[in-house]
Amino acid sequence: MLKGYQASEDLFHYCYYLTLQERFRSISPERDEGMLRFLLVEGKKDIEEAMKVYEARLEETKLLLPDKKGDNFMEYFSE
C-alpha cells in the first residue's frame, strides 16, 4: 500500500510472486545438481515475467492517496 496500489487480486498475485522470488533466492543448489539449477533459473525467469505483468497492471490503477481498504488487505480476499 506504500506505493499507492489498490487492494485487489492483482496486488495479491504480485505479493505472491514477490514471496516466491524471495524463496527462490534462498535455494542454493550444489555444484552437481544441474537439473535443479536449470529449474531455478527458468523458475526465476517466469516469476520475474509475472511480476512485471502484475506490476504494470497495478501501475495502471495506482492511487494518488493510500487505499482506505489497504489496512484490511487480508479481509478483502476473504469476502
N, C-alpha and C. Protein backbone atom coordinates (compact mmCIF):
# COMPACT_ATOMS: atom_id res chain seq x y z
N MET A 1 0.82 -1.18 0.00
CA MET A 1 0.00 0.00 0.00
C MET A 1 0.88 1.26 0.00
N LEU A 2 2.14 1.08 0.27
CA LEU A 2 3.04 2.23 0.29
C LEU A 2 3.20 2.87 -1.08
N LYS A 3 3.07 2.06 -2.12
CA LYS A 3 3.23 2.58 -3.48
C LYS A 3 1.93 3.13 -4.05
N GLY A 4 0.87 3.07 -3.29
CA GLY A 4 -0.41 3.58 -3.76
C GLY A 4 -1.22 2.57 -4.54
N TYR A 5 -0.86 1.29 -4.44
CA TYR A 5 -1.61 0.26 -5.15
C TYR A 5 -2.90 -0.05 -4.41
N GLN A 6 -3.95 -0.31 -5.18
CA GLN A 6 -5.24 -0.66 -4.59
C GLN A 6 -5.21 -2.10 -4.11
N ALA A 7 -5.94 -2.36 -3.04
CA ALA A 7 -6.12 -3.74 -2.59
C ALA A 7 -6.95 -4.45 -3.65
N SER A 8 -6.34 -5.42 -4.31
CA SER A 8 -7.02 -6.12 -5.41
C SER A 8 -6.36 -7.48 -5.62
N GLU A 9 -6.94 -8.26 -6.51
CA GLU A 9 -6.35 -9.55 -6.83
C GLU A 9 -4.99 -9.38 -7.48
N ASP A 10 -4.81 -8.33 -8.26
CA ASP A 10 -3.51 -8.08 -8.87
C ASP A 10 -2.44 -7.85 -7.80
N LEU A 11 -2.78 -7.13 -6.76
CA LEU A 11 -1.84 -6.89 -5.67
C LEU A 11 -1.55 -8.20 -4.93
N PHE A 12 -2.57 -9.01 -4.74
CA PHE A 12 -2.38 -10.30 -4.11
C PHE A 12 -1.40 -11.15 -4.91
N HIS A 13 -1.60 -11.23 -6.22
CA HIS A 13 -0.71 -12.03 -7.08
C HIS A 13 0.70 -11.46 -7.11
N TYR A 14 0.81 -10.15 -7.13
CA TYR A 14 2.12 -9.51 -7.12
C TYR A 14 2.87 -9.88 -5.84
N CYS A 15 2.19 -9.82 -4.71
CA CYS A 15 2.81 -10.18 -3.42
C CYS A 15 3.18 -11.66 -3.39
N TYR A 16 2.33 -12.48 -3.98
CA TYR A 16 2.61 -13.92 -4.04
C TYR A 16 3.89 -14.19 -4.82
N TYR A 17 4.02 -13.57 -5.99
CA TYR A 17 5.23 -13.78 -6.79
C TYR A 17 6.46 -13.15 -6.15
N LEU A 18 6.28 -12.07 -5.44
CA LEU A 18 7.38 -11.46 -4.71
C LEU A 18 7.89 -12.41 -3.62
N THR A 19 6.96 -13.08 -2.95
CA THR A 19 7.32 -14.07 -1.93
C THR A 19 8.04 -15.25 -2.56
N LEU A 20 7.54 -15.73 -3.70
CA LEU A 20 8.20 -16.83 -4.39
C LEU A 20 9.62 -16.46 -4.80
N GLN A 21 9.79 -15.24 -5.26
CA GLN A 21 11.11 -14.77 -5.68
C GLN A 21 12.09 -14.83 -4.49
N GLU A 22 11.63 -14.40 -3.33
CA GLU A 22 12.50 -14.45 -2.15
C GLU A 22 12.82 -15.89 -1.75
N ARG A 23 11.85 -16.77 -1.89
CA ARG A 23 12.10 -18.18 -1.56
C ARG A 23 13.11 -18.79 -2.53
N PHE A 24 13.01 -18.44 -3.81
CA PHE A 24 13.96 -18.95 -4.79
C PHE A 24 15.37 -18.46 -4.49
N ARG A 25 15.49 -17.24 -4.00
CA ARG A 25 16.81 -16.71 -3.66
C ARG A 25 17.48 -17.49 -2.54
N SER A 26 16.68 -18.06 -1.66
CA SER A 26 17.24 -18.79 -0.52
C SER A 26 17.70 -20.20 -0.90
N ILE A 27 17.32 -20.68 -2.08
CA ILE A 27 17.71 -22.02 -2.52
C ILE A 27 19.09 -21.92 -3.18
N SER A 28 20.00 -22.72 -2.70
CA SER A 28 21.34 -22.75 -3.30
C SER A 28 21.71 -24.20 -3.63
N PRO A 29 21.62 -24.56 -4.90
CA PRO A 29 21.93 -25.94 -5.29
C PRO A 29 23.43 -26.22 -5.20
N GLU A 30 23.75 -27.47 -4.99
CA GLU A 30 25.15 -27.90 -5.00
C GLU A 30 25.65 -27.89 -6.45
N ARG A 31 26.92 -27.97 -6.62
CA ARG A 31 27.53 -27.88 -7.95
C ARG A 31 27.02 -28.94 -8.92
N ASP A 32 26.78 -30.14 -8.43
CA ASP A 32 26.44 -31.25 -9.32
C ASP A 32 24.95 -31.35 -9.64
N GLU A 33 24.16 -30.48 -9.11
CA GLU A 33 22.71 -30.56 -9.32
C GLU A 33 22.29 -29.70 -10.51
N GLY A 34 22.62 -30.15 -11.70
CA GLY A 34 22.36 -29.40 -12.93
C GLY A 34 20.88 -29.16 -13.19
N MET A 35 20.07 -30.19 -12.99
CA MET A 35 18.64 -30.06 -13.27
C MET A 35 18.00 -29.06 -12.32
N LEU A 36 18.37 -29.11 -11.04
CA LEU A 36 17.82 -28.16 -10.07
C LEU A 36 18.24 -26.74 -10.44
N ARG A 37 19.47 -26.58 -10.85
CA ARG A 37 19.95 -25.26 -11.25
C ARG A 37 19.16 -24.74 -12.45
N PHE A 38 18.90 -25.62 -13.41
CA PHE A 38 18.12 -25.25 -14.59
C PHE A 38 16.71 -24.82 -14.18
N LEU A 39 16.08 -25.61 -13.31
CA LEU A 39 14.73 -25.29 -12.86
C LEU A 39 14.69 -23.97 -12.10
N LEU A 40 15.71 -23.70 -11.31
CA LEU A 40 15.77 -22.43 -10.58
C LEU A 40 15.87 -21.25 -11.54
N VAL A 41 16.73 -21.36 -12.53
CA VAL A 41 16.92 -20.27 -13.49
C VAL A 41 15.63 -20.02 -14.26
N GLU A 42 15.03 -21.09 -14.77
CA GLU A 42 13.79 -20.94 -15.54
C GLU A 42 12.65 -20.46 -14.65
N GLY A 43 12.59 -20.97 -13.42
CA GLY A 43 11.55 -20.53 -12.48
C GLY A 43 11.69 -19.06 -12.15
N LYS A 44 12.92 -18.60 -11.93
CA LYS A 44 13.15 -17.19 -11.64
C LYS A 44 12.72 -16.32 -12.81
N LYS A 45 13.00 -16.77 -14.03
CA LYS A 45 12.58 -16.00 -15.21
C LYS A 45 11.06 -15.88 -15.26
N ASP A 46 10.38 -17.00 -15.03
CA ASP A 46 8.91 -16.99 -15.06
C ASP A 46 8.35 -16.07 -13.99
N ILE A 47 8.93 -16.12 -12.80
CA ILE A 47 8.45 -15.28 -11.71
C ILE A 47 8.67 -13.81 -12.03
N GLU A 48 9.84 -13.47 -12.55
CA GLU A 48 10.14 -12.08 -12.90
C GLU A 48 9.19 -11.56 -13.97
N GLU A 49 8.88 -12.41 -14.96
CA GLU A 49 7.93 -12.02 -16.01
C GLU A 49 6.54 -11.76 -15.42
N ALA A 50 6.10 -12.65 -14.55
CA ALA A 50 4.78 -12.49 -13.93
C ALA A 50 4.74 -11.23 -13.09
N MET A 51 5.81 -10.97 -12.36
CA MET A 51 5.86 -9.77 -11.52
C MET A 51 5.78 -8.50 -12.37
N LYS A 52 6.43 -8.50 -13.51
CA LYS A 52 6.38 -7.35 -14.41
C LYS A 52 4.96 -7.11 -14.90
N VAL A 53 4.28 -8.19 -15.24
CA VAL A 53 2.90 -8.08 -15.73
C VAL A 53 2.00 -7.48 -14.65
N TYR A 54 2.08 -8.06 -13.44
CA TYR A 54 1.22 -7.58 -12.36
C TYR A 54 1.60 -6.17 -11.90
N GLU A 55 2.88 -5.85 -11.90
CA GLU A 55 3.28 -4.50 -11.52
C GLU A 55 2.77 -3.47 -12.53
N ALA A 56 2.82 -3.82 -13.81
CA ALA A 56 2.29 -2.92 -14.84
C ALA A 56 0.79 -2.71 -14.65
N ARG A 57 0.07 -3.80 -14.33
CA ARG A 57 -1.37 -3.68 -14.10
C ARG A 57 -1.66 -2.84 -12.87
N LEU A 58 -0.84 -2.99 -11.84
CA LEU A 58 -1.01 -2.19 -10.62
C LEU A 58 -0.71 -0.72 -10.89
N GLU A 59 0.28 -0.44 -11.69
CA GLU A 59 0.63 0.94 -12.02
C GLU A 59 -0.50 1.64 -12.76
N GLU A 60 -1.25 0.90 -13.58
CA GLU A 60 -2.37 1.47 -14.33
C GLU A 60 -3.48 1.95 -13.41
N THR A 61 -3.65 1.27 -12.28
CA THR A 61 -4.75 1.61 -11.36
C THR A 61 -4.24 2.24 -10.07
N LYS A 62 -3.03 2.71 -10.09
CA LYS A 62 -2.40 3.29 -8.90
C LYS A 62 -3.18 4.51 -8.41
N LEU A 63 -3.26 4.63 -7.09
CA LEU A 63 -3.98 5.75 -6.47
C LEU A 63 -2.99 6.84 -6.05
N LEU A 64 -3.46 8.06 -6.03
CA LEU A 64 -2.63 9.16 -5.55
C LEU A 64 -2.54 9.15 -4.03
N LEU A 65 -3.62 8.76 -3.40
CA LEU A 65 -3.68 8.66 -1.94
C LEU A 65 -3.74 7.20 -1.55
N PRO A 66 -3.29 6.84 -0.35
CA PRO A 66 -3.35 5.43 0.08
C PRO A 66 -4.78 4.89 0.04
N ASP A 67 -4.90 3.63 -0.29
CA ASP A 67 -6.19 2.95 -0.36
C ASP A 67 -6.72 2.73 1.06
N LYS A 68 -7.94 3.18 1.30
CA LYS A 68 -8.55 3.02 2.62
C LYS A 68 -8.75 1.55 2.98
N LYS A 69 -8.94 0.69 1.95
CA LYS A 69 -9.13 -0.73 2.19
C LYS A 69 -7.80 -1.45 2.40
N GLY A 70 -6.70 -0.77 2.21
CA GLY A 70 -5.39 -1.40 2.31
C GLY A 70 -5.10 -2.01 3.66
N ASP A 71 -5.60 -1.40 4.71
CA ASP A 71 -5.37 -1.94 6.05
C ASP A 71 -6.09 -3.27 6.24
N ASN A 72 -7.12 -3.49 5.47
CA ASN A 72 -7.90 -4.72 5.56
C ASN A 72 -7.59 -5.65 4.39
N PHE A 73 -6.33 -5.66 3.97
CA PHE A 73 -5.93 -6.41 2.78
C PHE A 73 -6.35 -7.87 2.84
N MET A 74 -6.08 -8.55 3.94
CA MET A 74 -6.44 -9.97 4.05
C MET A 74 -7.95 -10.15 4.09
N GLU A 75 -8.65 -9.27 4.77
CA GLU A 75 -10.10 -9.36 4.84
C GLU A 75 -10.72 -9.12 3.45
N TYR A 76 -10.06 -8.32 2.64
CA TYR A 76 -10.55 -8.04 1.28
C TYR A 76 -10.70 -9.33 0.49
N PHE A 77 -9.78 -10.26 0.68
CA PHE A 77 -9.81 -11.51 -0.09
C PHE A 77 -10.62 -12.60 0.58
N SER A 78 -10.99 -12.43 1.82
CA SER A 78 -11.78 -13.45 2.49
C SER A 78 -13.27 -13.23 2.30
N GLU A 79 -13.65 -12.12 1.68
CA GLU A 79 -15.07 -11.84 1.45
C GLU A 79 -15.62 -12.65 0.31
